[in-house]
Amino acid sequence: VAAEARRRIEAVFAEEGLTVVGWRDVPVDDSMLGSQARSVEPSFHQVFVTGEADGVISMRNIAGQVSKIKRDDVKEEKHLPQSMMPAGLAAGLTVEEFTSLIEYLVTLKSIGG
């Protein structure tokens, strides 16, 4: 069921001209739940998307915040060597590898790295 849901979500993004660059399972603390509640507990997933449509570039940062800028306002596009996400990196990773990378980066943010 989860794989089919992901496939459908990715298809909708593709129809909108967006690219899914990865998924991650959102960690939850269910230690307070009893066995009955845990048996019907939903899972939560986060998707990372980027895209360009109608002359507007949409970018998401690691916190999921969206920034939009008009393509015409971009004077120069450059990939910096110190970028956390070098060009083409996501394309070379499996979904699991990309998810692990994002989870690692989140841990660095939480410890001030």
C-alpha atoms as a PDB file:
ATOM      1  CA  VAL A   1       0.000   0.000   0.000  1.00  0.00           C
ATOM      2  CA  ALA A   2       2.747   2.497   0.916  1.00  0.00           C
ATOM      3  CA  ALA A   3       4.661   1.867  -2.319  1.00  0.00           C
ATOM      4  CA  GLU A   4       1.511   2.468  -4.369  1.00  0.00           C
ATOM      5  CA  ALA A   5       0.759   5.667  -2.441  1.00  0.00           C
ATOM      6  CA  ARG A   6       4.282   6.934  -3.085  1.00  0.00           C
ATOM      7  CA  ARG A   7       3.988   6.085  -6.781  1.00  0.00           C
ATOM      8  CA  ARG A   8       0.727   8.022  -7.054  1.00  0.00           C
ATOM      9  CA  ILE A   9       2.107  11.022  -5.163  1.00  0.00           C
ATOM     10  CA  GLU A  10       5.203  11.083  -7.373  1.00  0.00           C
ATOM     11  CA  ALA A  11       2.981  10.900 -10.479  1.00  0.00           C
ATOM     12  CA  VAL A  12       1.018  13.960  -9.321  1.00  0.00           C
ATOM     13  CA  PHE A  13       4.248  15.875  -8.703  1.00  0.00           C
ATOM     14  CA  ALA A  14       5.519  14.886 -12.158  1.00  0.00           C
ATOM     15  CA  GLU A  15       2.278  16.108 -13.762  1.00  0.00           C
ATOM     16  CA  GLU A  16       2.898  19.450 -12.049  1.00  0.00           C
ATOM     17  CA  GLY A  17       6.457  19.615 -13.398  1.00  0.00           C
ATOM     18  CA  LEU A  18       8.061  18.896 -10.037  1.00  0.00           C
ATOM     19  CA  THR A  19      10.841  16.446  -9.272  1.00  0.00           C
ATOM     20  CA  VAL A  20      10.812  14.217  -6.193  1.00  0.00           C
ATOM     21  CA  VAL A  21      14.376  14.102  -4.903  1.00  0.00           C
ATOM     22  CA  GLY A  22      13.755  11.861  -1.912  1.00  0.00           C
ATOM     23  CA  TRP A  23      11.578  10.551   0.890  1.00  0.00           C
ATOM     24  CA  ARG A  24      12.159  10.027   4.575  1.00  0.00           C
ATOM     25  CA  ASP A  25      10.198   8.429   7.377  1.00  0.00           C
ATOM     26  CA  VAL A  26       9.365  11.042   9.994  1.00  0.00           C
ATOM     27  CA  PRO A  27      10.470   9.844  13.422  1.00  0.00           C
ATOM     28  CA  VAL A  28       7.725   9.722  16.037  1.00  0.00           C
ATOM     29  CA  ASP A  29       7.729   8.953  19.729  1.00  0.00           C
ATOM     30  CA  ASP A  30       4.971   6.416  20.258  1.00  0.00           C
ATOM     31  CA  SER A  31       6.254   5.233  23.637  1.00  0.00           C
ATOM     32  CA  MET A  32       3.136   6.568  25.359  1.00  0.00           C
ATOM     33  CA  LEU A  33       0.752   4.550  23.155  1.00  0.00           C
ATOM     34  CA  GLY A  34      -0.891   1.377  24.315  1.00  0.00           C
ATOM     35  CA  SER A  35      -0.955  -1.785  22.209  1.00  0.00           C
ATOM     36  CA  GLN A  36      -4.398  -1.058  20.732  1.00  0.00           C
ATOM     37  CA  ALA A  37      -3.446   2.471  19.620  1.00  0.00           C
ATOM     38  CA  ARG A  38      -0.093   1.253  18.320  1.00  0.00           C
ATOM     39  CA  SER A  39      -1.845  -1.406  16.199  1.00  0.00           C
ATOM     40  CA  VAL A  40      -3.616   1.314  14.182  1.00  0.00           C
ATOM     41  CA  GLU A  41      -0.897   3.958  14.340  1.00  0.00           C
ATOM     42  CA  PRO A  42      -0.332   5.646  10.971  1.00  0.00           C
ATOM     43  CA  SER A  43       3.093   6.192   9.499  1.00  0.00           C
ATOM     44  CA  PHE A  44       4.336   9.638   8.518  1.00  0.00           C
ATOM     45  CA  HIS A  45       6.581  10.394   5.572  1.00  0.00           C
ATOM     46  CA  GLN A  46       8.198  13.552   4.250  1.00  0.00           C
ATOM     47  CA  VAL A  47       8.846  14.135   0.568  1.00  0.00           C
ATOM     48  CA  PHE A  48      11.478  16.483  -0.844  1.00  0.00           C
ATOM     49  CA  VAL A  49      10.507  18.221  -4.080  1.00  0.00           C
ATOM     50  CA  THR A  50      11.885  20.880  -6.341  1.00  0.00           C
ATOM     51  CA  GLY A  51      10.736  22.300  -9.627  1.00  0.00           C
ATOM     52  CA  GLU A  52      10.184  25.087 -12.062  1.00  0.00           C
ATOM     53  CA  ALA A  53       6.912  26.000 -13.715  1.00  0.00           C
ATOM     54  CA  ASP A  54       5.580  29.050 -15.527  1.00  0.00           C
ATOM     55  CA  GLY A  55       8.869  30.878 -15.082  1.00  0.00           C
ATOM     56  CA  VAL A  56       8.958  30.406 -11.284  1.00  0.00           C
ATOM     57  CA  ILE A  57      11.620  28.334  -9.535  1.00  0.00           C
ATOM     58  CA  SER A  58      10.530  26.628  -6.307  1.00  0.00           C
ATOM     59  CA  MET A  59      13.233  25.622  -3.842  1.00  0.00           C
ATOM     60  CA  ARG A  60      12.893  23.826  -0.521  1.00  0.00           C
ATOM     61  CA  ASN A  61      15.446  23.972   2.241  1.00  0.00           C
ATOM     62  CA  ILE A  62      16.227  21.154   4.662  1.00  0.00           C
ATOM     63  CA  ALA A  63      13.435  22.376   6.967  1.00  0.00           C
ATOM     64  CA  GLY A  64      10.941  22.113   4.099  1.00  0.00           C
ATOM     65  CA  GLN A  65      10.423  25.871   3.767  1.00  0.00           C
ATOM     66  CA  VAL A  66       9.632  26.946   0.205  1.00  0.00           C
ATOM     67  CA  SER A  67      11.290  29.878  -1.517  1.00  0.00           C
ATOM     68  CA  LYS A  68      10.118  31.043  -4.928  1.00  0.00           C
ATOM     69  CA  ILE A  69      11.900  33.269  -7.383  1.00  0.00           C
ATOM     70  CA  LYS A  70      11.042  34.323 -10.907  1.00  0.00           C
ATOM     71  CA  ARG A  71      13.357  32.800 -13.510  1.00  0.00           C
ATOM     72  CA  ASP A  72      13.742  36.263 -15.098  1.00  0.00           C
ATOM     73  CA  ASP A  73      15.140  37.585 -11.804  1.00  0.00           C
ATOM     74  CA  VAL A  74      17.979  35.039 -11.857  1.00  0.00           C
ATOM     75  CA  LYS A  75      21.048  36.810 -13.186  1.00  0.00           C
ATOM     76  CA  GLU A  76      23.439  33.888 -12.726  1.00  0.00           C
ATOM     77  CA  GLU A  77      23.101  30.262 -11.696  1.00  0.00           C
ATOM     78  CA  LYS A  78      26.114  28.654 -10.097  1.00  0.00           C
ATOM     79  CA  HIS A  79      26.637  25.485  -8.091  1.00  0.00           C
ATOM     80  CA  LEU A  80      29.043  26.199  -5.266  1.00  0.00           C
ATOM     81  CA  PRO A  81      31.532  23.519  -4.203  1.00  0.00           C
ATOM     82  CA  GLN A  82      30.564  23.881  -0.531  1.00  0.00           C
ATOM     83  CA  SER A  83      26.894  23.145  -1.229  1.00  0.00           C
ATOM     84  CA  MET A  84      25.264  20.562   1.027  1.00  0.00           C
ATOM     85  CA  MET A  85      23.660  19.061  -2.082  1.00  0.00           C
ATOM     86  CA  PRO A  86      26.038  19.118  -5.051  1.00  0.00           C
ATOM     87  CA  ALA A  87      24.479  19.038  -8.518  1.00  0.00           C
ATOM     88  CA  GLY A  88      23.484  15.528  -9.539  1.00  0.00           C
ATOM     89  CA  LEU A  89      23.981  13.973  -6.099  1.00  0.00           C
ATOM     90  CA  ALA A  90      20.359  12.965  -5.588  1.00  0.00           C
ATOM     91  CA  ALA A  91      20.183  11.360  -9.021  1.00  0.00           C
ATOM     92  CA  GLY A  92      22.999   8.977  -8.099  1.00  0.00           C
ATOM     93  CA  LEU A  93      21.447   7.819  -4.822  1.00  0.00           C
ATOM     94  CA  THR A  94      18.745   5.281  -4.109  1.00  0.00           C
ATOM     95  CA  VAL A  95      15.736   6.506  -2.128  1.00  0.00           C
ATOM     96  CA  GLU A  96      17.136   4.762   0.952  1.00  0.00           C
ATOM     97  CA  GLU A  97      20.562   6.392   0.524  1.00  0.00           C
ATOM     98  CA  PHE A  98      19.024   9.828   0.006  1.00  0.00           C
ATOM     99  CA  THR A  99      16.831   9.353   3.074  1.00  0.00           C
ATOM    100  CA  SER A 100      19.864   8.385   5.150  1.00  0.00           C
ATOM    101  CA  LEU A 101      21.729  11.466   3.908  1.00  0.00           C
ATOM    102  CA  ILE A 102      18.866  13.789   4.879  1.00  0.00           C
ATOM    103  CA  GLU A 103      18.538  12.153   8.295  1.00  0.00           C
ATOM    104  CA  TYR A 104      22.280  12.605   8.836  1.00  0.00           C
ATOM    105  CA  LEU A 105      22.122  16.274   7.829  1.00  0.00           C
ATOM    106  CA  VAL A 106      19.226  16.818  10.241  1.00  0.00           C
ATOM    107  CA  THR A 107      21.330  15.382  13.068  1.00  0.00           C
ATOM    108  CA  LEU A 108      24.137  17.813  12.203  1.00  0.00           C
ATOM    109  CA  LYS A 109      21.685  20.709  12.344  1.00  0.00           C
ATOM    110  CA  SER A 110      20.428  19.590  15.766  1.00  0.00           C
ATOM    111  CA  ILE A 111      23.968  19.537  17.227  1.00  0.00           C
ATOM    112  CA  GLY A 112      24.954  22.820  15.630  1.00  0.00           C
ATOM    113  CA  GLY A 113      26.993  21.366  12.756  1.00  0.00           C
END
